């Protein structure tokens, strides 16, 4: 190895997963299921009450609804000032 070569990456230990990997491998919580059900319009009365009664879940629904709205919006055509 010369001084210009970057150091090699350390080997990956599959048993030493970080939190992001854990989120992929775990089942969603009841709160997460309730939030997604509300967003999808498929929430049960119990799920709606759970979300309505928890400010952090209501905030999560609001945040995710904003993302859904942005993704669903058609792209805007470039203005005349672009060319």
N, C-alpha and C. Protein backbone atom coordinates (compact mmCIF):
# COMPACT_ATOMS: atom_id res chain seq x y z
N UNK A 1 0.85 -1.18 0.00
CA UNK A 1 0.00 0.00 0.00
C UNK A 1 0.89 1.23 0.00
N UNK A 2 0.58 2.16 -0.88
CA UNK A 2 1.33 3.40 -0.94
C UNK A 2 0.57 4.45 -0.15
N UNK A 3 1.22 5.55 0.22
CA UNK A 3 0.54 6.60 0.99
C UNK A 3 -0.70 7.15 0.30
N UNK A 4 -0.80 7.06 -1.04
CA UNK A 4 -1.96 7.59 -1.76
C UNK A 4 -3.14 6.63 -1.72
N UNK A 5 -2.92 5.36 -1.39
CA UNK A 5 -4.01 4.39 -1.36
C UNK A 5 -4.86 4.57 -0.10
N UNK A 6 -6.17 4.55 -0.26
CA UNK A 6 -7.02 4.64 0.94
C UNK A 6 -6.96 3.33 1.72
N UNK A 7 -7.19 3.40 3.01
CA UNK A 7 -7.17 2.17 3.79
C UNK A 7 -8.34 1.27 3.37
N UNK A 8 -8.13 -0.01 3.50
CA UNK A 8 -9.18 -0.97 3.14
C UNK A 8 -10.32 -0.88 4.16
N UNK A 9 -11.54 -1.12 3.68
CA UNK A 9 -12.68 -1.16 4.58
C UNK A 9 -12.56 -2.36 5.50
N UNK A 10 -12.95 -2.18 6.76
CA UNK A 10 -12.90 -3.32 7.67
C UNK A 10 -13.95 -4.35 7.26
N UNK A 11 -13.74 -5.61 7.59
CA UNK A 11 -14.73 -6.62 7.23
C UNK A 11 -16.06 -6.35 7.93
N UNK A 12 -17.13 -6.70 7.30
CA UNK A 12 -18.47 -6.48 7.84
C UNK A 12 -18.89 -7.69 8.64
N UNK A 13 -19.30 -7.44 9.88
CA UNK A 13 -19.80 -8.51 10.74
C UNK A 13 -21.33 -8.48 10.68
N UNK A 14 -21.97 -9.52 10.10
CA UNK A 14 -23.43 -9.49 9.97
C UNK A 14 -24.16 -9.45 11.30
N UNK A 15 -23.49 -9.86 12.38
CA UNK A 15 -24.12 -9.82 13.71
C UNK A 15 -24.03 -8.44 14.34
N UNK A 16 -23.30 -7.52 13.72
CA UNK A 16 -23.10 -6.18 14.27
C UNK A 16 -23.82 -5.16 13.40
N UNK A 17 -25.14 -5.34 13.26
CA UNK A 17 -25.93 -4.44 12.41
C UNK A 17 -26.22 -3.14 13.14
N UNK A 18 -26.27 -2.04 12.38
CA UNK A 18 -26.61 -0.76 12.99
C UNK A 18 -28.12 -0.60 13.06
N UNK A 19 -28.59 0.50 13.63
CA UNK A 19 -30.03 0.72 13.83
C UNK A 19 -30.80 0.75 12.52
N UNK A 20 -30.20 1.30 11.46
CA UNK A 20 -30.90 1.37 10.18
C UNK A 20 -31.21 -0.03 9.67
N UNK A 21 -30.26 -0.93 9.81
CA UNK A 21 -30.49 -2.30 9.39
C UNK A 21 -31.55 -2.97 10.26
N UNK A 22 -31.55 -2.66 11.55
CA UNK A 22 -32.54 -3.23 12.46
C UNK A 22 -33.94 -2.81 12.06
N UNK A 23 -34.11 -1.58 11.59
CA UNK A 23 -35.42 -1.09 11.21
C UNK A 23 -35.98 -1.88 10.03
N UNK A 24 -35.12 -2.37 9.17
CA UNK A 24 -35.56 -3.15 8.03
C UNK A 24 -35.96 -4.55 8.46
N UNK A 25 -35.31 -5.09 9.45
CA UNK A 25 -35.51 -6.48 9.85
C UNK A 25 -36.60 -6.68 10.90
N UNK A 26 -37.21 -5.62 11.39
CA UNK A 26 -38.18 -5.77 12.46
C UNK A 26 -39.59 -5.58 11.96
N UNK A 27 -40.54 -6.07 12.74
CA UNK A 27 -41.95 -5.87 12.43
C UNK A 27 -42.34 -4.45 12.83
N UNK A 28 -43.28 -3.83 12.11
CA UNK A 28 -43.72 -2.48 12.50
C UNK A 28 -44.47 -2.52 13.83
N UNK A 29 -44.36 -1.43 14.56
CA UNK A 29 -45.06 -1.33 15.84
C UNK A 29 -46.54 -1.06 15.58
N UNK A 30 -47.36 -1.23 16.62
CA UNK A 30 -48.79 -0.91 16.49
C UNK A 30 -48.98 0.57 16.14
N UNK A 31 -48.14 1.44 16.71
CA UNK A 31 -48.24 2.87 16.39
C UNK A 31 -47.94 3.12 14.91
N UNK A 32 -46.90 2.48 14.39
CA UNK A 32 -46.55 2.65 12.98
C UNK A 32 -47.67 2.12 12.07
N UNK A 33 -48.23 0.98 12.44
CA UNK A 33 -49.34 0.44 11.66
C UNK A 33 -50.54 1.37 11.68
N UNK A 34 -50.81 1.97 12.84
CA UNK A 34 -51.94 2.89 12.97
C UNK A 34 -51.72 4.13 12.10
N UNK A 35 -50.52 4.68 12.12
CA UNK A 35 -50.21 5.87 11.31
C UNK A 35 -50.41 5.55 9.83
N UNK A 36 -49.89 4.44 9.37
CA UNK A 36 -50.02 4.09 7.96
C UNK A 36 -51.47 3.79 7.59
N UNK A 37 -52.21 3.16 8.49
CA UNK A 37 -53.62 2.89 8.22
C UNK A 37 -54.40 4.19 8.08
N UNK A 38 -54.11 5.16 8.94
CA UNK A 38 -54.77 6.47 8.85
C UNK A 38 -54.43 7.12 7.51
N UNK A 39 -53.16 7.10 7.13
CA UNK A 39 -52.75 7.70 5.86
C UNK A 39 -53.43 7.03 4.67
N UNK A 40 -53.61 5.71 4.76
CA UNK A 40 -54.21 4.95 3.66
C UNK A 40 -55.73 5.00 3.67
N UNK A 41 -56.31 5.60 4.70
CA UNK A 41 -57.75 5.64 4.81
C UNK A 41 -58.36 4.31 5.18
N UNK A 42 -57.56 3.45 5.81
CA UNK A 42 -58.02 2.10 6.16
C UNK A 42 -57.95 1.84 7.66
N UNK A 43 -57.88 2.88 8.45
CA UNK A 43 -57.73 2.72 9.90
C UNK A 43 -59.03 2.23 10.54
N UNK A 44 -58.86 1.38 11.54
CA UNK A 44 -60.00 0.97 12.35
C UNK A 44 -60.31 2.11 13.32
N UNK A 45 -61.45 2.00 13.98
CA UNK A 45 -61.81 3.02 14.98
C UNK A 45 -60.75 3.08 16.08
N UNK A 46 -60.23 1.93 16.47
CA UNK A 46 -59.20 1.88 17.51
C UNK A 46 -57.93 2.58 17.04
N UNK A 47 -57.52 2.35 15.79
CA UNK A 47 -56.32 2.99 15.26
C UNK A 47 -56.52 4.50 15.15
N UNK A 48 -57.69 4.92 14.72
CA UNK A 48 -57.97 6.37 14.62
C UNK A 48 -57.90 7.01 16.00
N UNK A 49 -58.47 6.37 17.00
CA UNK A 49 -58.40 6.91 18.38
C UNK A 49 -56.96 6.95 18.88
N UNK A 50 -56.19 5.91 18.56
CA UNK A 50 -54.78 5.87 19.00
C UNK A 50 -54.02 7.06 18.43
N UNK A 51 -54.20 7.33 17.15
CA UNK A 51 -53.49 8.44 16.50
C UNK A 51 -54.02 9.77 17.00
N UNK A 52 -55.34 9.89 17.09
CA UNK A 52 -55.94 11.15 17.54
C UNK A 52 -55.53 11.51 18.96
N UNK A 53 -55.29 10.53 19.79
CA UNK A 53 -54.96 10.77 21.19
C UNK A 53 -53.48 10.96 21.48
N UNK A 54 -52.64 10.87 20.46
CA UNK A 54 -51.19 10.97 20.67
C UNK A 54 -50.62 12.07 19.78
N UNK A 55 -50.18 13.18 20.39
CA UNK A 55 -49.65 14.29 19.58
C UNK A 55 -48.49 13.90 18.67
N UNK A 56 -47.63 13.00 19.11
CA UNK A 56 -46.49 12.61 18.26
C UNK A 56 -46.97 11.80 17.05
N UNK A 57 -47.99 10.98 17.23
CA UNK A 57 -48.53 10.22 16.09
C UNK A 57 -49.26 11.15 15.12
N UNK A 58 -50.00 12.13 15.66
CA UNK A 58 -50.66 13.11 14.79
C UNK A 58 -49.63 13.88 13.97
N UNK A 59 -48.54 14.25 14.61
CA UNK A 59 -47.47 14.98 13.91
C UNK A 59 -46.86 14.09 12.82
N UNK A 60 -46.69 12.82 13.12
CA UNK A 60 -46.12 11.89 12.13
C UNK A 60 -47.05 11.76 10.93
N UNK A 61 -48.36 11.69 11.17
CA UNK A 61 -49.33 11.62 10.07
C UNK A 61 -49.23 12.89 9.22
N UNK A 62 -49.14 14.04 9.87
CA UNK A 62 -49.03 15.31 9.15
C UNK A 62 -47.77 15.34 8.29
N UNK A 63 -46.65 14.91 8.86
CA UNK A 63 -45.38 14.90 8.12
C UNK A 63 -45.46 13.96 6.92
N UNK A 64 -45.99 12.77 7.14
CA UNK A 64 -46.05 11.79 6.07
C UNK A 64 -47.07 12.20 5.00
N UNK A 65 -48.15 12.85 5.40
CA UNK A 65 -49.15 13.32 4.45
C UNK A 65 -48.52 14.37 3.53
N UNK A 66 -47.67 15.23 4.07
CA UNK A 66 -46.98 16.23 3.25
C UNK A 66 -46.09 15.56 2.21
N UNK A 67 -45.42 14.50 2.60
CA UNK A 67 -44.56 13.77 1.65
C UNK A 67 -45.42 13.11 0.57
N UNK A 68 -46.50 12.47 0.97
CA UNK A 68 -47.41 11.84 0.01
C UNK A 68 -47.92 12.87 -0.99
N UNK A 69 -48.32 14.03 -0.49
CA UNK A 69 -48.83 15.09 -1.37
C UNK A 69 -47.76 15.56 -2.35
N UNK A 70 -46.53 15.69 -1.89
CA UNK A 70 -45.45 16.15 -2.77
C UNK A 70 -45.14 15.11 -3.84
N UNK A 71 -45.13 13.86 -3.46
CA UNK A 71 -44.83 12.80 -4.43
C UNK A 71 -45.96 12.68 -5.45
N UNK A 72 -47.19 12.88 -5.01
CA UNK A 72 -48.34 12.73 -5.89
C UNK A 72 -48.53 13.92 -6.83
N UNK A 73 -47.96 15.06 -6.49
CA UNK A 73 -48.14 16.27 -7.31
C UNK A 73 -47.41 16.11 -8.65
N UNK A 74 -48.04 16.56 -9.72
CA UNK A 74 -47.36 16.49 -11.01
C UNK A 74 -46.16 17.44 -11.02
N UNK A 75 -45.13 17.08 -11.77
CA UNK A 75 -43.97 17.98 -11.83
C UNK A 75 -44.35 19.29 -12.50
N UNK A 76 -43.72 20.34 -12.05
CA UNK A 76 -43.98 21.66 -12.64
C UNK A 76 -43.09 21.84 -13.87
N UNK A 77 -43.68 22.41 -14.90
CA UNK A 77 -42.93 22.69 -16.11
C UNK A 77 -41.93 23.81 -15.82
N UNK A 78 -40.76 23.77 -16.44
CA UNK A 78 -39.81 24.85 -16.22
C UNK A 78 -40.37 26.18 -16.73
N UNK A 79 -40.03 27.23 -16.04
CA UNK A 79 -40.48 28.56 -16.43
C UNK A 79 -39.69 29.08 -17.63
N UNK A 80 -40.14 30.21 -18.16
CA UNK A 80 -39.46 30.82 -19.30
C UNK A 80 -38.05 31.26 -18.96
N UNK A 81 -37.80 31.54 -17.68
CA UNK A 81 -36.49 32.03 -17.30
C UNK A 81 -35.43 30.94 -17.29
N UNK A 82 -35.82 29.68 -17.52
CA UNK A 82 -34.86 28.59 -17.52
C UNK A 82 -34.05 28.60 -18.81
N UNK A 83 -34.68 29.02 -19.89
CA UNK A 83 -33.98 28.97 -21.20
C UNK A 83 -33.46 30.29 -21.58
